């Protein structure tokens, strides 16, 4: 019994894991800075787009009190501005 046998070597990461770890090393600072900006842009744009959609729609006596801008009619998308 030989105790000087080399230990089983672990396989180095390859493929997607290697690419992801390299990407994280290169762009870690940019990702940390960009994440809050992306979050704020999404939180601003979603309500802005909803209000923009309502402002372009026509008033209607119904719930919701505006007409749809886009609707499917006869299998086609119809956009009303």
N, C-alpha and C. Protein backbone atom coordinates (compact mmCIF):
# COMPACT_ATOMS: atom_id res chain seq x y z
N UNK A 1 0.85 -1.17 0.00
CA UNK A 1 0.00 0.00 0.00
C UNK A 1 0.89 1.23 0.00
N UNK A 2 0.74 2.01 -1.04
CA UNK A 2 1.58 3.17 -1.20
C UNK A 2 0.80 4.42 -0.81
N UNK A 3 1.27 5.17 0.13
CA UNK A 3 0.59 6.39 0.57
C UNK A 3 1.04 7.62 -0.22
N UNK A 4 1.94 7.45 -1.15
CA UNK A 4 2.45 8.57 -1.92
C UNK A 4 1.76 8.71 -3.27
N UNK A 5 0.63 8.05 -3.44
CA UNK A 5 -0.10 8.16 -4.69
C UNK A 5 -0.70 9.56 -4.81
N UNK A 6 -0.72 10.09 -6.03
CA UNK A 6 -1.28 11.44 -6.18
C UNK A 6 -2.79 11.42 -5.92
N UNK A 7 -3.26 12.49 -5.33
CA UNK A 7 -4.69 12.61 -5.04
C UNK A 7 -5.45 12.81 -6.35
N UNK A 8 -6.69 12.40 -6.34
CA UNK A 8 -7.53 12.57 -7.53
C UNK A 8 -7.69 14.06 -7.80
N UNK A 9 -7.38 14.45 -9.02
CA UNK A 9 -7.44 15.87 -9.36
C UNK A 9 -8.86 16.23 -9.79
N UNK A 10 -9.28 17.38 -9.30
CA UNK A 10 -10.62 17.83 -9.68
C UNK A 10 -10.56 18.46 -11.07
N UNK A 11 -11.64 18.30 -11.77
CA UNK A 11 -11.72 18.80 -13.14
C UNK A 11 -11.92 20.32 -13.09
N UNK A 12 -11.12 21.09 -13.83
CA UNK A 12 -11.31 22.54 -13.82
C UNK A 12 -12.62 22.91 -14.51
N UNK A 13 -13.22 24.03 -14.09
CA UNK A 13 -14.48 24.42 -14.72
C UNK A 13 -14.26 24.72 -16.19
N UNK A 14 -15.23 24.37 -16.97
CA UNK A 14 -15.12 24.61 -18.41
C UNK A 14 -16.45 25.03 -18.97
N UNK A 15 -16.42 25.47 -20.17
CA UNK A 15 -17.65 25.83 -20.87
C UNK A 15 -18.30 27.06 -20.28
N UNK A 16 -19.57 26.93 -19.97
CA UNK A 16 -20.37 28.06 -19.51
C UNK A 16 -19.88 28.59 -18.16
N UNK A 17 -19.53 27.68 -17.25
CA UNK A 17 -19.06 28.12 -15.93
C UNK A 17 -17.78 28.94 -16.03
N UNK A 18 -16.88 28.51 -16.89
CA UNK A 18 -15.63 29.24 -17.09
C UNK A 18 -15.91 30.62 -17.69
N UNK A 19 -16.78 30.66 -18.69
CA UNK A 19 -17.12 31.93 -19.32
C UNK A 19 -17.77 32.88 -18.32
N UNK A 20 -18.68 32.35 -17.48
CA UNK A 20 -19.37 33.18 -16.51
C UNK A 20 -18.41 33.72 -15.47
N UNK A 21 -17.48 32.89 -14.99
CA UNK A 21 -16.53 33.37 -13.99
C UNK A 21 -15.59 34.41 -14.58
N UNK A 22 -15.18 34.25 -15.83
CA UNK A 22 -14.33 35.25 -16.46
C UNK A 22 -15.09 36.56 -16.66
N UNK A 23 -16.35 36.46 -17.02
CA UNK A 23 -17.17 37.66 -17.21
C UNK A 23 -17.32 38.41 -15.89
N UNK A 24 -17.53 37.67 -14.81
CA UNK A 24 -17.66 38.31 -13.51
C UNK A 24 -16.37 38.99 -13.10
N UNK A 25 -15.24 38.38 -13.37
CA UNK A 25 -13.97 38.99 -12.99
C UNK A 25 -13.71 40.27 -13.78
N UNK A 26 -14.03 40.26 -15.07
CA UNK A 26 -13.74 41.41 -15.92
C UNK A 26 -14.69 42.57 -15.66
N UNK A 27 -15.95 42.28 -15.45
CA UNK A 27 -16.97 43.33 -15.42
C UNK A 27 -17.69 43.44 -14.08
N UNK A 28 -17.07 43.00 -13.01
CA UNK A 28 -17.74 43.03 -11.71
C UNK A 28 -18.13 44.44 -11.30
N UNK A 29 -17.20 45.40 -11.45
CA UNK A 29 -17.49 46.77 -11.03
C UNK A 29 -18.61 47.37 -11.88
N UNK A 30 -18.58 47.12 -13.17
CA UNK A 30 -19.62 47.65 -14.05
C UNK A 30 -20.98 47.06 -13.70
N UNK A 31 -21.02 45.77 -13.37
CA UNK A 31 -22.29 45.14 -13.01
C UNK A 31 -22.84 45.70 -11.71
N UNK A 32 -21.95 45.95 -10.75
CA UNK A 32 -22.39 46.48 -9.46
C UNK A 32 -22.94 47.89 -9.63
N UNK A 33 -22.32 48.69 -10.49
CA UNK A 33 -22.80 50.05 -10.72
C UNK A 33 -24.07 50.05 -11.57
N UNK A 34 -24.16 49.16 -12.54
CA UNK A 34 -25.30 49.16 -13.47
C UNK A 34 -26.58 48.62 -12.84
N UNK A 35 -26.48 47.73 -11.89
CA UNK A 35 -27.67 47.09 -11.33
C UNK A 35 -28.66 48.10 -10.74
N UNK A 36 -28.24 49.05 -9.89
CA UNK A 36 -29.22 50.03 -9.39
C UNK A 36 -29.80 50.91 -10.50
N UNK A 37 -28.99 51.25 -11.49
CA UNK A 37 -29.50 52.06 -12.59
C UNK A 37 -30.56 51.30 -13.38
N UNK A 38 -30.33 50.05 -13.64
CA UNK A 38 -31.31 49.23 -14.35
C UNK A 38 -32.61 49.14 -13.55
N UNK A 39 -32.48 48.95 -12.25
CA UNK A 39 -33.64 48.85 -11.36
C UNK A 39 -34.44 50.16 -11.40
N UNK A 40 -33.76 51.30 -11.29
CA UNK A 40 -34.44 52.59 -11.30
C UNK A 40 -35.10 52.87 -12.65
N UNK A 41 -34.43 52.51 -13.73
CA UNK A 41 -35.00 52.72 -15.06
C UNK A 41 -36.28 51.90 -15.22
N UNK A 42 -36.25 50.66 -14.76
CA UNK A 42 -37.45 49.82 -14.86
C UNK A 42 -38.58 50.37 -14.01
N UNK A 43 -38.26 50.82 -12.80
CA UNK A 43 -39.30 51.35 -11.93
C UNK A 43 -39.84 52.68 -12.44
N UNK A 44 -39.06 53.43 -13.20
CA UNK A 44 -39.55 54.67 -13.78
C UNK A 44 -40.32 54.40 -15.07
N UNK A 45 -39.81 53.52 -15.90
CA UNK A 45 -40.41 53.32 -17.21
C UNK A 45 -41.77 52.63 -17.16
N UNK A 46 -41.95 51.69 -16.27
CA UNK A 46 -43.22 50.98 -16.23
C UNK A 46 -44.39 51.92 -15.94
N UNK A 47 -44.36 52.73 -14.88
CA UNK A 47 -45.47 53.68 -14.68
C UNK A 47 -45.56 54.71 -15.80
N UNK A 48 -44.43 55.15 -16.32
CA UNK A 48 -44.44 56.12 -17.41
C UNK A 48 -45.14 55.55 -18.64
N UNK A 49 -44.87 54.30 -18.97
CA UNK A 49 -45.52 53.68 -20.13
C UNK A 49 -47.01 53.50 -19.92
N UNK A 50 -47.41 53.20 -18.70
CA UNK A 50 -48.85 53.06 -18.41
C UNK A 50 -49.55 54.40 -18.59
N UNK A 51 -48.98 55.47 -18.05
CA UNK A 51 -49.58 56.80 -18.19
C UNK A 51 -49.55 57.25 -19.64
N UNK A 52 -48.48 56.93 -20.36
CA UNK A 52 -48.38 57.29 -21.77
C UNK A 52 -49.47 56.59 -22.58
N UNK A 53 -49.72 55.33 -22.28
CA UNK A 53 -50.77 54.57 -22.97
C UNK A 53 -52.14 55.18 -22.70
N UNK A 54 -52.40 55.55 -21.46
CA UNK A 54 -53.69 56.15 -21.12
C UNK A 54 -53.84 57.51 -21.79
N UNK A 55 -52.76 58.28 -21.88
CA UNK A 55 -52.86 59.61 -22.49
C UNK A 55 -53.14 59.55 -23.98
N UNK A 56 -52.75 58.48 -24.65
CA UNK A 56 -53.03 58.34 -26.08
C UNK A 56 -54.41 57.76 -26.36
N UNK A 57 -55.03 57.16 -25.37
CA UNK A 57 -56.32 56.51 -25.58
C UNK A 57 -57.46 57.53 -25.55
N UNK A 58 -58.58 57.12 -26.09
CA UNK A 58 -59.77 57.96 -26.07
C UNK A 58 -60.57 57.67 -24.81
N UNK A 59 -61.31 58.69 -24.35
CA UNK A 59 -62.13 58.50 -23.16
C UNK A 59 -63.32 57.61 -23.49
N UNK A 60 -63.74 56.83 -22.52
CA UNK A 60 -64.90 55.95 -22.69
C UNK A 60 -65.68 55.92 -21.39
N UNK A 61 -66.98 55.70 -21.50
CA UNK A 61 -67.82 55.58 -20.30
C UNK A 61 -67.88 54.10 -19.93
N UNK A 62 -66.79 53.63 -19.38
CA UNK A 62 -66.71 52.22 -19.01
C UNK A 62 -65.60 52.07 -17.98
N UNK A 63 -65.35 50.86 -17.61
CA UNK A 63 -64.23 50.56 -16.72
C UNK A 63 -63.29 49.66 -17.49
N UNK A 64 -62.09 50.01 -17.74
CA UNK A 64 -61.39 51.26 -17.42
C UNK A 64 -61.90 52.40 -18.29
N UNK A 65 -61.74 53.65 -17.85
CA UNK A 65 -62.35 54.79 -18.56
C UNK A 65 -61.57 55.25 -19.80
N UNK A 66 -60.99 54.33 -20.50
CA UNK A 66 -60.29 54.66 -21.75
C UNK A 66 -60.38 53.46 -22.68
N UNK A 67 -60.24 53.72 -23.97
CA UNK A 67 -60.32 52.64 -24.96
C UNK A 67 -58.96 51.96 -25.10
N UNK A 68 -59.00 50.76 -25.60
CA UNK A 68 -57.76 50.01 -25.81
C UNK A 68 -57.03 50.54 -27.03
N UNK A 69 -55.72 50.61 -26.94
CA UNK A 69 -54.92 51.05 -28.08
C UNK A 69 -54.66 49.91 -29.04
N UNK A 70 -54.45 48.72 -28.49
CA UNK A 70 -54.16 47.55 -29.31
C UNK A 70 -55.18 46.47 -28.98
N UNK A 71 -55.75 45.87 -30.00
CA UNK A 71 -56.67 44.77 -29.77
C UNK A 71 -56.62 43.82 -30.96
N UNK A 72 -56.93 42.56 -30.68
CA UNK A 72 -56.95 41.54 -31.72
C UNK A 72 -58.35 41.50 -32.32
N UNK A 73 -58.42 41.65 -33.64
CA UNK A 73 -59.70 41.57 -34.35
C UNK A 73 -59.49 40.72 -35.59
N UNK A 74 -60.24 39.65 -35.69
CA UNK A 74 -60.15 38.72 -36.83
C UNK A 74 -58.74 38.19 -37.02
N UNK A 75 -58.06 37.91 -35.94
CA UNK A 75 -56.71 37.34 -36.02
C UNK A 75 -55.64 38.34 -36.39
N UNK A 76 -55.97 39.63 -36.40
CA UNK A 76 -54.98 40.66 -36.72
C UNK A 76 -54.92 41.66 -35.58
N UNK A 77 -53.74 42.18 -35.36
CA UNK A 77 -53.54 43.20 -34.34
C UNK A 77 -53.92 44.55 -34.92
N UNK A 78 -54.87 45.22 -34.27
CA UNK A 78 -55.26 46.54 -34.74
C UNK A 78 -54.81 47.57 -33.70
N UNK A 79 -54.10 48.60 -34.17
CA UNK A 79 -53.58 49.65 -33.30
C UNK A 79 -54.35 50.93 -33.62
N UNK A 80 -54.95 51.52 -32.58
CA UNK A 80 -55.74 52.73 -32.75
C UNK A 80 -55.05 53.88 -32.03
N UNK A 81 -54.72 54.92 -32.78
CA UNK A 81 -54.11 56.11 -32.17
C UNK A 81 -55.01 57.31 -32.35
